[in-house]
Amino acid sequence: MSFNLLIVDDSSSMRSVVKKIVGLSGVAVNRLLEAENGRRALEVMGGNWVDAVILDINMPEMNGLELLQKMSEDALMKSIPVVMMSTEASEAHMKTAFELGAKGFIRKPFLPEEVRKMLHGVLGLDEKGDYGERERDSGGVDF
């Protein structure tokens, strides 16, 4: 199983670094989507299936916390797991992010192993990247 991830950061070089780290992490990715701010991220999520978001806090136009607020007001978007990333890890920002629905927080710079562990956690995967044992109904259907 592979996932569509959205990376939201105002720095194109940081988005490239995150894409590279996600690639090295071993997380099964179908598509890596990008947005330079929260406003653009809303547009991307409106037109694409997104399984998880890696989101910076400080950005122009609409920052990460404002995007989380908007996502929490949308029936579909509020179910998308969000991992915050930032060099600024103040307790206040972290508390606000989790109150708005963030599922994880990683501090820049980070390693591929940290990204894999965080994404597997928010996507509900085990350490191998599988869903593990799932119950099946008597007809063999697993959904």
N, C-alpha and C. Protein backbone atom coordinates (compact mmCIF):
# COMPACT_ATOMS: atom_id res chain seq x y z
N MET A 1 0.85 -1.17 0.00
CA MET A 1 0.00 0.00 0.00
C MET A 1 0.90 1.24 0.00
N SER A 2 0.55 2.20 -0.81
CA SER A 2 1.31 3.45 -0.84
C SER A 2 0.37 4.62 -0.59
N PHE A 3 0.96 5.74 -0.21
CA PHE A 3 0.19 6.89 0.26
C PHE A 3 0.51 8.15 -0.52
N ASN A 4 -0.45 9.06 -0.52
CA ASN A 4 -0.24 10.39 -1.07
C ASN A 4 0.04 11.33 0.09
N LEU A 5 1.20 11.97 0.05
CA LEU A 5 1.61 12.90 1.10
C LEU A 5 1.68 14.31 0.54
N LEU A 6 1.25 15.26 1.35
CA LEU A 6 1.34 16.68 1.00
C LEU A 6 2.36 17.33 1.91
N ILE A 7 3.36 17.96 1.32
CA ILE A 7 4.39 18.68 2.07
C ILE A 7 4.10 20.17 1.91
N VAL A 8 3.92 20.85 3.05
CA VAL A 8 3.58 22.27 3.02
C VAL A 8 4.67 23.05 3.74
N ASP A 9 5.42 23.85 2.97
CA ASP A 9 6.49 24.68 3.52
C ASP A 9 6.73 25.80 2.52
N ASP A 10 6.99 27.01 3.02
CA ASP A 10 7.19 28.14 2.13
C ASP A 10 8.54 28.11 1.41
N SER A 11 9.46 27.29 1.88
CA SER A 11 10.77 27.19 1.26
C SER A 11 10.80 26.02 0.28
N SER A 12 11.05 26.31 -0.99
CA SER A 12 11.10 25.24 -1.98
C SER A 12 12.27 24.30 -1.70
N SER A 13 13.38 24.84 -1.18
CA SER A 13 14.51 23.97 -0.86
C SER A 13 14.17 23.05 0.31
N MET A 14 13.41 23.53 1.29
CA MET A 14 13.01 22.67 2.41
C MET A 14 12.03 21.60 1.93
N ARG A 15 11.12 21.96 1.02
CA ARG A 15 10.21 20.94 0.47
C ARG A 15 11.02 19.85 -0.24
N SER A 16 12.06 20.25 -0.96
CA SER A 16 12.92 19.27 -1.64
C SER A 16 13.63 18.37 -0.64
N VAL A 17 14.12 18.96 0.44
CA VAL A 17 14.79 18.18 1.49
C VAL A 17 13.81 17.19 2.11
N VAL A 18 12.61 17.64 2.43
CA VAL A 18 11.60 16.76 3.04
C VAL A 18 11.25 15.63 2.07
N LYS A 19 11.08 15.95 0.79
CA LYS A 19 10.79 14.91 -0.21
C LYS A 19 11.90 13.87 -0.22
N LYS A 20 13.14 14.32 -0.18
CA LYS A 20 14.28 13.41 -0.19
C LYS A 20 14.28 12.54 1.07
N ILE A 21 14.03 13.16 2.22
CA ILE A 21 14.02 12.42 3.49
C ILE A 21 12.89 11.41 3.51
N VAL A 22 11.72 11.79 3.01
CA VAL A 22 10.59 10.84 2.94
C VAL A 22 10.98 9.67 2.04
N GLY A 23 11.64 9.96 0.91
CA GLY A 23 12.10 8.89 0.02
C GLY A 23 13.07 7.95 0.70
N LEU A 24 13.99 8.51 1.49
CA LEU A 24 14.97 7.69 2.20
C LEU A 24 14.37 6.95 3.39
N SER A 25 13.23 7.42 3.87
CA SER A 25 12.64 6.85 5.08
C SER A 25 12.07 5.45 4.86
N GLY A 26 11.75 5.13 3.63
CA GLY A 26 11.16 3.83 3.35
C GLY A 26 9.65 3.81 3.41
N VAL A 27 9.01 4.95 3.67
CA VAL A 27 7.56 5.01 3.65
C VAL A 27 7.08 4.83 2.21
N ALA A 28 6.11 3.96 2.02
CA ALA A 28 5.59 3.68 0.68
C ALA A 28 4.76 4.88 0.21
N VAL A 29 5.28 5.61 -0.77
CA VAL A 29 4.62 6.82 -1.25
C VAL A 29 4.19 6.63 -2.70
N ASN A 30 2.94 6.96 -2.96
CA ASN A 30 2.42 6.98 -4.32
C ASN A 30 2.72 8.33 -4.96
N ARG A 31 2.25 9.42 -4.30
CA ARG A 31 2.48 10.78 -4.81
C ARG A 31 2.93 11.68 -3.68
N LEU A 32 3.90 12.52 -3.97
CA LEU A 32 4.33 13.58 -3.06
C LEU A 32 3.86 14.89 -3.65
N LEU A 33 2.89 15.50 -2.99
CA LEU A 33 2.34 16.78 -3.44
C LEU A 33 2.99 17.89 -2.63
N GLU A 34 2.99 19.10 -3.17
CA GLU A 34 3.63 20.23 -2.50
C GLU A 34 2.73 21.45 -2.50
N ALA A 35 2.93 22.28 -1.46
CA ALA A 35 2.28 23.59 -1.39
C ALA A 35 3.20 24.52 -0.63
N GLU A 36 3.19 25.79 -1.04
CA GLU A 36 4.08 26.78 -0.43
C GLU A 36 3.46 27.54 0.73
N ASN A 37 2.18 27.33 0.98
CA ASN A 37 1.53 27.96 2.13
C ASN A 37 0.19 27.27 2.37
N GLY A 38 -0.46 27.63 3.45
CA GLY A 38 -1.72 27.00 3.81
C GLY A 38 -2.82 27.20 2.80
N ARG A 39 -2.88 28.38 2.21
CA ARG A 39 -3.92 28.66 1.21
C ARG A 39 -3.78 27.73 0.01
N ARG A 40 -2.56 27.58 -0.47
CA ARG A 40 -2.31 26.68 -1.61
C ARG A 40 -2.56 25.22 -1.20
N ALA A 41 -2.24 24.86 0.04
CA ALA A 41 -2.47 23.50 0.52
C ALA A 41 -3.96 23.15 0.49
N LEU A 42 -4.81 24.10 0.84
CA LEU A 42 -6.25 23.87 0.77
C LEU A 42 -6.68 23.56 -0.66
N GLU A 43 -6.11 24.29 -1.61
CA GLU A 43 -6.42 24.04 -3.03
C GLU A 43 -5.96 22.65 -3.44
N VAL A 44 -4.75 22.27 -3.02
CA VAL A 44 -4.22 20.95 -3.38
C VAL A 44 -5.10 19.86 -2.78
N MET A 45 -5.48 19.99 -1.50
CA MET A 45 -6.33 18.99 -0.86
C MET A 45 -7.73 18.95 -1.46
N GLY A 46 -8.19 20.08 -1.97
CA GLY A 46 -9.50 20.13 -2.61
C GLY A 46 -9.56 19.38 -3.92
N GLY A 47 -8.41 19.18 -4.56
CA GLY A 47 -8.39 18.52 -5.86
C GLY A 47 -7.65 17.20 -5.91
N ASN A 48 -7.14 16.74 -4.76
CA ASN A 48 -6.35 15.51 -4.73
C ASN A 48 -6.65 14.73 -3.45
N TRP A 49 -6.55 13.40 -3.55
CA TRP A 49 -6.64 12.58 -2.35
C TRP A 49 -5.32 12.71 -1.60
N VAL A 50 -5.39 13.07 -0.33
CA VAL A 50 -4.20 13.21 0.51
C VAL A 50 -4.38 12.34 1.74
N ASP A 51 -3.39 11.45 1.98
CA ASP A 51 -3.46 10.55 3.13
C ASP A 51 -2.86 11.16 4.38
N ALA A 52 -1.87 12.04 4.23
CA ALA A 52 -1.23 12.70 5.38
C ALA A 52 -0.56 13.98 4.90
N VAL A 53 -0.38 14.91 5.85
CA VAL A 53 0.24 16.20 5.56
C VAL A 53 1.42 16.39 6.49
N ILE A 54 2.54 16.84 5.92
CA ILE A 54 3.69 17.29 6.70
C ILE A 54 3.69 18.80 6.56
N LEU A 55 3.53 19.50 7.68
CA LEU A 55 3.18 20.92 7.65
C LEU A 55 4.10 21.78 8.50
N ASP A 56 4.67 22.81 7.87
CA ASP A 56 5.47 23.80 8.59
C ASP A 56 4.54 24.75 9.32
N ILE A 57 5.04 25.38 10.37
CA ILE A 57 4.21 26.34 11.12
C ILE A 57 4.29 27.73 10.49
N ASN A 58 5.49 28.24 10.31
CA ASN A 58 5.67 29.63 9.89
C ASN A 58 5.73 29.74 8.37
N MET A 59 4.66 30.35 7.80
CA MET A 59 4.59 30.57 6.36
C MET A 59 3.79 31.84 6.11
N PRO A 60 4.01 32.49 4.97
CA PRO A 60 3.21 33.67 4.64
C PRO A 60 1.81 33.28 4.16
N GLU A 61 0.96 34.23 4.03
CA GLU A 61 -0.43 34.11 3.55
C GLU A 61 -1.32 33.34 4.51
N MET A 62 -1.02 32.07 4.75
CA MET A 62 -1.75 31.27 5.74
C MET A 62 -0.74 30.33 6.37
N ASN A 63 -0.48 30.51 7.68
CA ASN A 63 0.51 29.67 8.34
C ASN A 63 -0.06 28.30 8.68
N GLY A 64 0.78 27.43 9.24
CA GLY A 64 0.37 26.07 9.53
C GLY A 64 -0.76 25.96 10.53
N LEU A 65 -0.75 26.81 11.56
CA LEU A 65 -1.82 26.77 12.56
C LEU A 65 -3.15 27.23 11.96
N GLU A 66 -3.09 28.23 11.09
CA GLU A 66 -4.31 28.69 10.41
C GLU A 66 -4.85 27.60 9.49
N LEU A 67 -3.95 26.87 8.81
CA LEU A 67 -4.39 25.77 7.96
C LEU A 67 -5.04 24.68 8.80
N LEU A 68 -4.44 24.34 9.93
CA LEU A 68 -5.04 23.33 10.81
C LEU A 68 -6.44 23.75 11.22
N GLN A 69 -6.63 25.04 11.52
CA GLN A 69 -7.95 25.54 11.90
C GLN A 69 -8.94 25.32 10.76
N LYS A 70 -8.55 25.68 9.55
CA LYS A 70 -9.43 25.51 8.38
C LYS A 70 -9.74 24.03 8.15
N MET A 71 -8.74 23.17 8.30
CA MET A 71 -8.95 21.75 8.11
C MET A 71 -9.92 21.20 9.15
N SER A 72 -9.84 21.70 10.37
CA SER A 72 -10.72 21.20 11.44
C SER A 72 -12.18 21.56 11.20
N GLU A 73 -12.43 22.54 10.33
CA GLU A 73 -13.78 22.98 10.02
C GLU A 73 -14.38 22.24 8.83
N ASP A 74 -13.60 21.38 8.18
CA ASP A 74 -14.05 20.65 7.00
C ASP A 74 -14.22 19.18 7.35
N ALA A 75 -15.38 18.61 7.01
CA ALA A 75 -15.71 17.23 7.39
C ALA A 75 -14.68 16.21 6.89
N LEU A 76 -14.19 16.35 5.68
CA LEU A 76 -13.22 15.39 5.14
C LEU A 76 -11.80 15.72 5.56
N MET A 77 -11.42 16.99 5.46
CA MET A 77 -10.04 17.37 5.75
C MET A 77 -9.65 17.16 7.21
N LYS A 78 -10.61 17.24 8.11
CA LYS A 78 -10.26 17.10 9.53
C LYS A 78 -9.83 15.67 9.86
N SER A 79 -10.11 14.73 8.97
CA SER A 79 -9.69 13.34 9.21
C SER A 79 -8.29 13.04 8.67
N ILE A 80 -7.69 13.98 7.95
CA ILE A 80 -6.35 13.78 7.39
C ILE A 80 -5.31 14.00 8.49
N PRO A 81 -4.47 13.00 8.77
CA PRO A 81 -3.45 13.18 9.81
C PRO A 81 -2.40 14.21 9.38
N VAL A 82 -2.06 15.09 10.32
CA VAL A 82 -1.09 16.15 10.07
C VAL A 82 0.08 16.01 11.03
N VAL A 83 1.28 16.05 10.47
CA VAL A 83 2.51 16.08 11.26
C VAL A 83 3.11 17.46 11.08
N MET A 84 3.26 18.18 12.19
CA MET A 84 3.85 19.51 12.15
C MET A 84 5.37 19.37 12.13
N MET A 85 6.01 20.29 11.43
CA MET A 85 7.48 20.35 11.44
C MET A 85 7.88 21.80 11.60
N SER A 86 8.89 22.03 12.41
CA SER A 86 9.34 23.40 12.61
C SER A 86 10.67 23.43 13.34
N THR A 87 11.42 24.50 13.13
CA THR A 87 12.59 24.74 13.97
C THR A 87 12.13 25.39 15.26
N GLU A 88 10.97 26.03 15.21
CA GLU A 88 10.40 26.69 16.38
C GLU A 88 9.47 25.69 17.07
N ALA A 89 9.87 25.25 18.23
CA ALA A 89 9.10 24.23 18.92
C ALA A 89 8.64 24.74 20.29
N SER A 90 8.07 25.92 20.31
CA SER A 90 7.60 26.46 21.57
C SER A 90 6.44 25.62 22.09
N GLU A 91 6.34 25.53 23.38
CA GLU A 91 5.25 24.77 24.00
C GLU A 91 3.89 25.30 23.55
N ALA A 92 3.77 26.62 23.43
CA ALA A 92 2.49 27.22 23.03
C ALA A 92 2.08 26.78 21.63
N HIS A 93 3.04 26.81 20.68
CA HIS A 93 2.72 26.39 19.31
C HIS A 93 2.38 24.91 19.27
N MET A 94 3.13 24.09 19.99
CA MET A 94 2.87 22.66 19.99
C MET A 94 1.49 22.37 20.60
N LYS A 95 1.16 23.03 21.70
CA LYS A 95 -0.13 22.83 22.36
C LYS A 95 -1.27 23.22 21.41
N THR A 96 -1.13 24.38 20.77
CA THR A 96 -2.15 24.84 19.83
C THR A 96 -2.30 23.87 18.67
N ALA A 97 -1.18 23.40 18.12
CA ALA A 97 -1.22 22.47 16.99
C ALA A 97 -1.98 21.19 17.37
N PHE A 98 -1.69 20.64 18.54
CA PHE A 98 -2.37 19.41 18.95
C PHE A 98 -3.84 19.67 19.26
N GLU A 99 -4.15 20.82 19.81
CA GLU A 99 -5.56 21.17 20.06
C GLU A 99 -6.34 21.29 18.76
N LEU A 100 -5.67 21.72 17.69
CA LEU A 100 -6.31 21.87 16.39
C LEU A 100 -6.33 20.58 15.58
N GLY A 101 -5.75 19.52 16.13
CA GLY A 101 -5.85 18.23 15.47
C GLY A 101 -4.57 17.62 14.94
N ALA A 102 -3.43 18.29 15.11
CA ALA A 102 -2.17 17.70 14.65
C ALA A 102 -1.95 16.37 15.38
N LYS A 103 -1.41 15.41 14.67
CA LYS A 103 -1.17 14.07 15.24
C LYS A 103 0.28 13.85 15.64
N GLY A 104 1.17 14.74 15.18
CA GLY A 104 2.57 14.57 15.50
C GLY A 104 3.34 15.85 15.29
N PHE A 105 4.56 15.88 15.80
CA PHE A 105 5.41 17.06 15.70
C PHE A 105 6.86 16.61 15.59
N ILE A 106 7.55 17.06 14.56
CA ILE A 106 8.98 16.77 14.44
C ILE A 106 9.73 18.08 14.26
N ARG A 107 10.88 18.14 14.89
CA ARG A 107 11.70 19.36 14.83
C ARG A 107 12.72 19.25 13.71
N LYS A 108 12.84 20.35 12.97
CA LYS A 108 13.87 20.43 11.93
C LYS A 108 15.20 20.65 12.63
N PRO A 109 16.27 20.09 12.18
CA PRO A 109 16.37 19.06 11.14
C PRO A 109 15.96 17.70 11.71
N PHE A 110 15.55 16.79 10.85
CA PHE A 110 15.13 15.47 11.29
C PHE A 110 15.72 14.42 10.37
N LEU A 111 15.70 13.19 10.85
CA LEU A 111 16.29 12.06 10.13
C LEU A 111 15.20 11.22 9.47
N PRO A 112 15.57 10.46 8.43
CA PRO A 112 14.58 9.59 7.78
C PRO A 112 13.88 8.64 8.76
N GLU A 113 14.62 8.13 9.75
CA GLU A 113 14.02 7.20 10.72
C GLU A 113 12.92 7.89 11.52
N GLU A 114 13.13 9.16 11.87
CA GLU A 114 12.11 9.91 12.61
C GLU A 114 10.86 10.10 11.76
N VAL A 115 11.07 10.41 10.50
CA VAL A 115 9.94 10.62 9.57
C VAL A 115 9.17 9.31 9.39
N ARG A 116 9.89 8.21 9.18
CA ARG A 116 9.23 6.91 9.01
C ARG A 116 8.40 6.57 10.25
N LYS A 117 8.99 6.70 11.41
CA LYS A 117 8.29 6.36 12.65
C LYS A 117 7.04 7.23 12.83
N MET A 118 7.17 8.52 12.58
CA MET A 118 6.05 9.45 12.74
C MET A 118 4.94 9.16 11.73
N LEU A 119 5.30 9.00 10.46
CA LEU A 119 4.28 8.73 9.44
C LEU A 119 3.61 7.38 9.66
N HIS A 120 4.38 6.36 9.99
CA HIS A 120 3.77 5.07 10.28
C HIS A 120 2.79 5.20 11.43
N GLY A 121 3.17 5.96 12.45
CA GLY A 121 2.28 6.15 13.59
C GLY A 121 0.97 6.83 13.22
N VAL A 122 1.04 7.93 12.49
CA VAL A 122 -0.19 8.67 12.16
C VAL A 122 -1.03 7.95 11.12
N LEU A 123 -0.41 7.10 10.31
CA LEU A 123 -1.15 6.34 9.31
C LEU A 123 -1.66 5.00 9.85
N GLY A 124 -1.29 4.68 11.08
CA GLY A 124 -1.75 3.44 11.70
C GLY A 124 -1.03 2.20 11.22
N LEU A 125 0.24 2.34 10.85
CA LEU A 125 1.02 1.22 10.33
C LEU A 125 1.96 0.68 11.40
N ASP A 126 2.38 -0.58 11.25
CA ASP A 126 3.37 -1.13 12.16
C ASP A 126 4.76 -0.75 11.67
N GLU A 127 5.79 -1.25 12.34
CA GLU A 127 7.16 -0.86 12.00
C GLU A 127 7.59 -1.31 10.60
N LYS A 128 6.89 -2.30 10.04
CA LYS A 128 7.20 -2.77 8.69
C LYS A 128 6.42 -2.00 7.62
N GLY A 129 5.52 -1.12 8.05
CA GLY A 129 4.73 -0.37 7.09
C GLY A 129 3.45 -1.07 6.69
N ASP A 130 3.05 -2.06 7.48
CA ASP A 130 1.82 -2.80 7.21
C ASP A 130 0.76 -2.42 8.24
N TYR A 131 -0.49 -2.73 7.90
CA TYR A 131 -1.56 -2.52 8.86
C TYR A 131 -1.58 -3.61 9.91
N GLY A 132 -0.80 -4.66 9.72
CA GLY A 132 -0.76 -5.74 10.69
C GLY A 132 -1.99 -6.61 10.55
N GLU A 133 -2.29 -7.32 11.62
CA GLU A 133 -3.44 -8.21 11.61
C GLU A 133 -4.72 -7.40 11.63
N ARG A 134 -5.57 -7.64 10.64
CA ARG A 134 -6.87 -7.00 10.59
C ARG A 134 -7.93 -8.07 10.59
N GLU A 135 -9.01 -7.76 11.23
CA GLU A 135 -10.12 -8.72 11.25
C GLU A 135 -10.75 -8.78 9.87
N ARG A 136 -11.14 -9.98 9.50
CA ARG A 136 -11.85 -10.18 8.23
C ARG A 136 -13.23 -10.69 8.55
N ASP A 137 -14.17 -10.29 7.75
CA ASP A 137 -15.50 -10.85 7.96
C ASP A 137 -15.56 -12.26 7.38
N SER A 138 -16.63 -12.95 7.59
CA SER A 138 -16.73 -14.35 7.17
C SER A 138 -16.63 -14.49 5.65
N GLY A 139 -16.87 -13.43 4.90
CA GLY A 139 -16.79 -13.50 3.45
C GLY A 139 -15.40 -13.20 2.93
N GLY A 140 -14.46 -12.93 3.81
CA GLY A 140 -13.09 -12.67 3.39
C GLY A 140 -12.82 -11.24 2.96
N VAL A 141 -13.79 -10.37 3.12
CA VAL A 141 -13.60 -8.97 2.75
C VAL A 141 -12.93 -8.26 3.91
N ASP A 142 -11.90 -7.45 3.62
CA ASP A 142 -11.15 -6.83 4.71
C ASP A 142 -11.38 -5.33 4.83
N PHE A 143 -12.53 -4.85 4.45
CA PHE A 143 -12.83 -3.43 4.63
C PHE A 143 -14.13 -3.25 5.35
